[in-house]
N, C-alpha and C. Protein backbone atom coordinates (compact mmCIF):
# COMPACT_ATOMS: atom_id res chain seq x y z
N UNK A 1 0.84 -1.18 0.00
CA UNK A 1 0.00 0.00 0.00
C UNK A 1 0.89 1.25 0.00
N UNK A 2 0.54 2.19 -0.84
CA UNK A 2 1.32 3.42 -0.93
C UNK A 2 0.72 4.47 0.01
N UNK A 3 1.57 5.15 0.79
CA UNK A 3 1.05 6.12 1.77
C UNK A 3 0.48 7.36 1.10
N UNK A 4 -0.44 8.02 1.79
CA UNK A 4 -0.98 9.30 1.33
C UNK A 4 0.08 10.36 1.64
N UNK A 5 0.52 11.06 0.61
CA UNK A 5 1.60 12.04 0.78
C UNK A 5 1.03 13.43 0.92
N UNK A 6 1.69 14.22 1.80
CA UNK A 6 1.32 15.62 1.99
C UNK A 6 2.49 16.48 1.52
N UNK A 7 2.16 17.63 0.95
CA UNK A 7 3.20 18.56 0.50
C UNK A 7 4.15 18.84 1.66
N UNK A 8 5.44 18.70 1.40
CA UNK A 8 6.46 18.93 2.42
C UNK A 8 6.97 17.67 3.09
N UNK A 9 6.29 16.51 2.85
CA UNK A 9 6.79 15.24 3.40
C UNK A 9 8.17 14.92 2.81
N UNK A 10 9.06 14.42 3.65
CA UNK A 10 10.35 13.91 3.17
C UNK A 10 10.13 12.44 2.87
N UNK A 11 10.41 12.03 1.62
CA UNK A 11 10.09 10.67 1.22
C UNK A 11 11.27 9.98 0.55
N UNK A 12 11.21 8.66 0.60
CA UNK A 12 12.14 7.81 -0.13
C UNK A 12 11.28 6.99 -1.09
N UNK A 13 11.64 7.00 -2.37
CA UNK A 13 10.89 6.25 -3.37
C UNK A 13 11.85 5.28 -4.05
N UNK A 14 11.44 4.01 -4.10
CA UNK A 14 12.19 2.98 -4.82
C UNK A 14 11.41 2.77 -6.12
N UNK A 15 12.09 2.94 -7.26
CA UNK A 15 11.37 2.84 -8.53
C UNK A 15 12.22 2.18 -9.61
N UNK A 16 11.53 1.66 -10.60
CA UNK A 16 12.15 0.95 -11.73
C UNK A 16 12.64 1.98 -12.74
N UNK A 17 13.93 1.98 -13.03
CA UNK A 17 14.48 2.93 -13.99
C UNK A 17 14.19 2.45 -15.41
N UNK A 18 14.01 3.39 -16.33
CA UNK A 18 13.78 3.04 -17.73
C UNK A 18 14.95 3.41 -18.61
N UNK A 19 16.04 3.87 -18.02
CA UNK A 19 17.23 4.20 -18.79
C UNK A 19 17.94 2.92 -19.19
N UNK A 20 18.40 2.86 -20.44
CA UNK A 20 19.14 1.68 -20.92
C UNK A 20 20.62 1.90 -20.58
N UNK A 21 21.17 1.11 -19.65
CA UNK A 21 22.55 1.37 -19.22
C UNK A 21 23.62 1.12 -20.28
N UNK A 22 23.36 0.24 -21.25
CA UNK A 22 24.38 -0.10 -22.24
C UNK A 22 24.48 0.93 -23.36
N UNK A 23 23.47 1.76 -23.54
CA UNK A 23 23.49 2.75 -24.62
C UNK A 23 22.68 3.97 -24.22
N UNK A 24 22.99 5.11 -24.85
CA UNK A 24 22.21 6.31 -24.51
C UNK A 24 20.78 6.20 -25.00
N UNK A 25 19.86 6.87 -24.33
CA UNK A 25 18.48 6.89 -24.78
C UNK A 25 17.53 6.26 -23.79
N UNK A 26 16.27 6.20 -24.17
CA UNK A 26 15.22 5.67 -23.31
C UNK A 26 14.53 4.53 -24.01
N UNK A 27 13.91 3.66 -23.25
CA UNK A 27 13.30 2.45 -23.79
C UNK A 27 11.93 2.69 -24.40
N UNK A 28 11.63 1.88 -25.39
CA UNK A 28 10.26 1.83 -25.90
C UNK A 28 9.44 1.02 -24.91
N UNK A 29 8.12 1.01 -25.06
CA UNK A 29 7.26 0.25 -24.15
C UNK A 29 7.59 -1.24 -24.21
N UNK A 30 7.83 -1.78 -25.40
CA UNK A 30 8.16 -3.20 -25.56
C UNK A 30 9.49 -3.52 -24.87
N UNK A 31 10.49 -2.67 -25.10
CA UNK A 31 11.79 -2.87 -24.46
C UNK A 31 11.66 -2.80 -22.94
N UNK A 32 10.82 -1.87 -22.46
CA UNK A 32 10.64 -1.73 -21.02
C UNK A 32 10.00 -2.97 -20.42
N UNK A 33 9.00 -3.55 -21.09
CA UNK A 33 8.36 -4.79 -20.60
C UNK A 33 9.42 -5.88 -20.42
N UNK A 34 10.27 -6.03 -21.40
CA UNK A 34 11.33 -7.03 -21.32
C UNK A 34 12.29 -6.71 -20.18
N UNK A 35 12.65 -5.44 -20.04
CA UNK A 35 13.57 -5.00 -18.99
C UNK A 35 12.99 -5.28 -17.61
N UNK A 36 11.72 -4.94 -17.41
CA UNK A 36 11.06 -5.18 -16.12
C UNK A 36 11.00 -6.67 -15.82
N UNK A 37 10.67 -7.46 -16.82
CA UNK A 37 10.59 -8.91 -16.61
C UNK A 37 11.95 -9.51 -16.28
N UNK A 38 13.02 -8.83 -16.68
CA UNK A 38 14.37 -9.28 -16.36
C UNK A 38 14.97 -8.51 -15.19
N UNK A 39 14.11 -7.90 -14.37
CA UNK A 39 14.51 -7.19 -13.16
C UNK A 39 15.46 -6.02 -13.42
N UNK A 40 15.12 -5.13 -14.33
CA UNK A 40 15.95 -3.96 -14.62
C UNK A 40 16.44 -3.26 -13.37
N UNK A 41 17.10 -2.15 -13.51
CA UNK A 41 17.69 -1.43 -12.38
C UNK A 41 16.63 -0.72 -11.54
N UNK A 42 16.86 -0.71 -10.23
CA UNK A 42 16.01 0.06 -9.33
C UNK A 42 16.78 1.31 -8.89
N UNK A 43 16.03 2.39 -8.66
CA UNK A 43 16.61 3.65 -8.22
C UNK A 43 15.99 4.01 -6.89
N UNK A 44 16.80 4.57 -5.99
CA UNK A 44 16.32 5.05 -4.68
C UNK A 44 16.45 6.57 -4.71
N UNK A 45 15.30 7.26 -4.72
CA UNK A 45 15.29 8.73 -4.73
C UNK A 45 14.75 9.23 -3.40
N UNK A 46 15.42 10.23 -2.84
CA UNK A 46 14.98 10.84 -1.59
C UNK A 46 14.81 12.33 -1.85
N UNK A 47 13.69 12.88 -1.39
CA UNK A 47 13.45 14.30 -1.60
C UNK A 47 12.24 14.77 -0.82
N UNK A 48 11.86 16.01 -1.09
CA UNK A 48 10.70 16.62 -0.45
C UNK A 48 9.54 16.58 -1.44
N UNK A 49 8.42 16.00 -1.03
CA UNK A 49 7.25 15.87 -1.88
C UNK A 49 6.61 17.23 -2.11
N UNK A 50 6.43 17.61 -3.39
CA UNK A 50 5.78 18.89 -3.69
C UNK A 50 4.49 18.72 -4.48
N UNK A 51 4.17 17.50 -4.91
CA UNK A 51 2.91 17.30 -5.61
C UNK A 51 2.95 16.15 -6.60
N UNK A 52 1.84 16.06 -7.34
CA UNK A 52 1.66 15.00 -8.32
C UNK A 52 1.07 15.66 -9.57
N UNK A 53 1.60 15.31 -10.75
CA UNK A 53 1.10 15.92 -11.97
C UNK A 53 1.30 14.98 -13.15
N UNK A 54 0.24 14.74 -13.90
CA UNK A 54 0.29 13.98 -15.15
C UNK A 54 1.05 12.66 -15.02
N UNK A 55 0.72 11.84 -14.03
CA UNK A 55 1.34 10.54 -13.89
C UNK A 55 2.71 10.52 -13.25
N UNK A 56 3.12 11.62 -12.65
CA UNK A 56 4.42 11.70 -11.99
C UNK A 56 4.27 12.19 -10.56
N UNK A 57 5.12 11.69 -9.69
CA UNK A 57 5.26 12.24 -8.34
C UNK A 57 6.44 13.20 -8.42
N UNK A 58 6.24 14.42 -7.93
CA UNK A 58 7.26 15.45 -8.03
C UNK A 58 7.93 15.68 -6.67
N UNK A 59 9.25 15.55 -6.66
CA UNK A 59 10.07 15.80 -5.47
C UNK A 59 11.08 16.88 -5.81
N UNK A 60 11.62 17.50 -4.77
CA UNK A 60 12.76 18.39 -4.95
C UNK A 60 13.82 18.00 -3.92
N UNK A 61 15.07 18.26 -4.30
CA UNK A 61 16.17 17.97 -3.39
C UNK A 61 16.45 19.11 -2.43
N UNK A 62 16.00 20.30 -2.76
CA UNK A 62 16.21 21.48 -1.91
C UNK A 62 14.96 22.35 -1.95
N UNK A 63 14.66 22.99 -0.85
CA UNK A 63 13.58 23.96 -0.79
C UNK A 63 13.92 24.97 0.30
N UNK A 64 13.54 26.24 0.12
CA UNK A 64 13.82 27.25 1.14
C UNK A 64 13.20 26.82 2.47
N UNK A 65 13.97 26.92 3.54
CA UNK A 65 13.47 26.58 4.87
C UNK A 65 12.73 27.75 5.51
N UNK A 66 13.01 28.97 5.04
CA UNK A 66 12.34 30.14 5.59
C UNK A 66 10.86 30.14 5.21
N UNK A 67 10.03 30.70 6.07
CA UNK A 67 8.61 30.80 5.80
C UNK A 67 8.36 32.06 4.98
N UNK A 68 8.48 31.93 3.66
CA UNK A 68 8.28 33.06 2.76
C UNK A 68 7.20 32.71 1.73
N UNK A 69 6.58 33.74 1.16
CA UNK A 69 5.50 33.51 0.20
C UNK A 69 5.98 32.77 -1.06
N UNK A 70 7.13 33.19 -1.59
CA UNK A 70 7.64 32.58 -2.82
C UNK A 70 8.85 31.71 -2.48
N UNK A 71 8.63 30.39 -2.42
CA UNK A 71 9.72 29.48 -2.07
C UNK A 71 10.54 29.13 -3.30
N UNK A 72 11.82 29.01 -3.10
CA UNK A 72 12.74 28.60 -4.15
C UNK A 72 12.96 27.10 -4.04
N UNK A 73 12.82 26.38 -5.17
CA UNK A 73 13.06 24.94 -5.17
C UNK A 73 14.10 24.59 -6.23
N UNK A 74 14.91 23.59 -5.94
CA UNK A 74 15.98 23.17 -6.83
C UNK A 74 15.96 21.66 -7.02
N UNK A 75 16.77 21.18 -7.92
CA UNK A 75 16.94 19.74 -8.19
C UNK A 75 15.63 18.97 -8.25
N UNK A 76 14.83 19.18 -9.27
CA UNK A 76 13.58 18.44 -9.37
C UNK A 76 13.81 16.95 -9.64
N UNK A 77 12.97 16.13 -9.06
CA UNK A 77 12.99 14.68 -9.28
C UNK A 77 11.55 14.31 -9.63
N UNK A 78 11.33 13.79 -10.83
CA UNK A 78 9.99 13.41 -11.27
C UNK A 78 9.98 11.91 -11.52
N UNK A 79 9.16 11.17 -10.76
CA UNK A 79 9.12 9.72 -10.84
C UNK A 79 7.76 9.31 -11.38
N UNK A 80 7.76 8.55 -12.46
CA UNK A 80 6.51 8.04 -13.03
C UNK A 80 5.82 7.11 -12.05
N UNK A 81 4.54 7.38 -11.77
CA UNK A 81 3.83 6.58 -10.76
C UNK A 81 3.76 5.10 -11.13
N UNK A 82 3.72 4.77 -12.41
CA UNK A 82 3.66 3.38 -12.83
C UNK A 82 4.93 2.59 -12.57
N UNK A 83 6.04 3.29 -12.28
CA UNK A 83 7.33 2.63 -12.06
C UNK A 83 7.68 2.49 -10.58
N UNK A 84 6.84 3.03 -9.71
CA UNK A 84 7.13 3.03 -8.28
C UNK A 84 6.88 1.65 -7.68
N UNK A 85 7.88 1.16 -6.96
CA UNK A 85 7.78 -0.13 -6.26
C UNK A 85 7.43 0.08 -4.79
N UNK A 86 8.05 1.08 -4.15
CA UNK A 86 7.84 1.34 -2.73
C UNK A 86 7.97 2.83 -2.45
N UNK A 87 7.19 3.32 -1.47
CA UNK A 87 7.31 4.70 -1.01
C UNK A 87 7.33 4.67 0.51
N UNK A 88 8.27 5.42 1.10
CA UNK A 88 8.36 5.55 2.55
C UNK A 88 8.36 7.03 2.91
N UNK A 89 7.53 7.41 3.86
CA UNK A 89 7.58 8.77 4.41
C UNK A 89 8.61 8.72 5.53
N UNK A 90 9.64 9.56 5.44
CA UNK A 90 10.73 9.56 6.42
C UNK A 90 10.41 10.52 7.56
N UNK A 91 10.86 10.18 8.76
CA UNK A 91 10.67 11.04 9.90
C UNK A 91 11.85 11.98 10.03
N UNK A 92 11.58 13.20 10.40
CA UNK A 92 12.64 14.18 10.58
C UNK A 92 13.28 14.02 11.96
N UNK A 93 14.59 14.03 11.99
CA UNK A 93 15.29 13.98 13.28
C UNK A 93 15.40 15.40 13.80
N UNK A 94 15.31 15.55 15.11
CA UNK A 94 15.43 16.89 15.70
C UNK A 94 16.87 17.20 16.03
């Protein structure tokens, strides 16, 4: 079961990568089916959840910590929801 995410949650997502390691480029759907069936590469992404859009979960690696109206965000990470294997909401240490 995938947890309900709230904006600002720190999360770890384990997902199936679609990059072909032996050559540059991205896989076709047929190639991806074969890759998944042969246990392609998994990626572990950690970031701050900022939302969901068009089949992707959107994370950022950095966000302004100050409470300001216009927040600055950097290093976007967009993970296709169909490729997600596991999601964990991480607890913040004090």
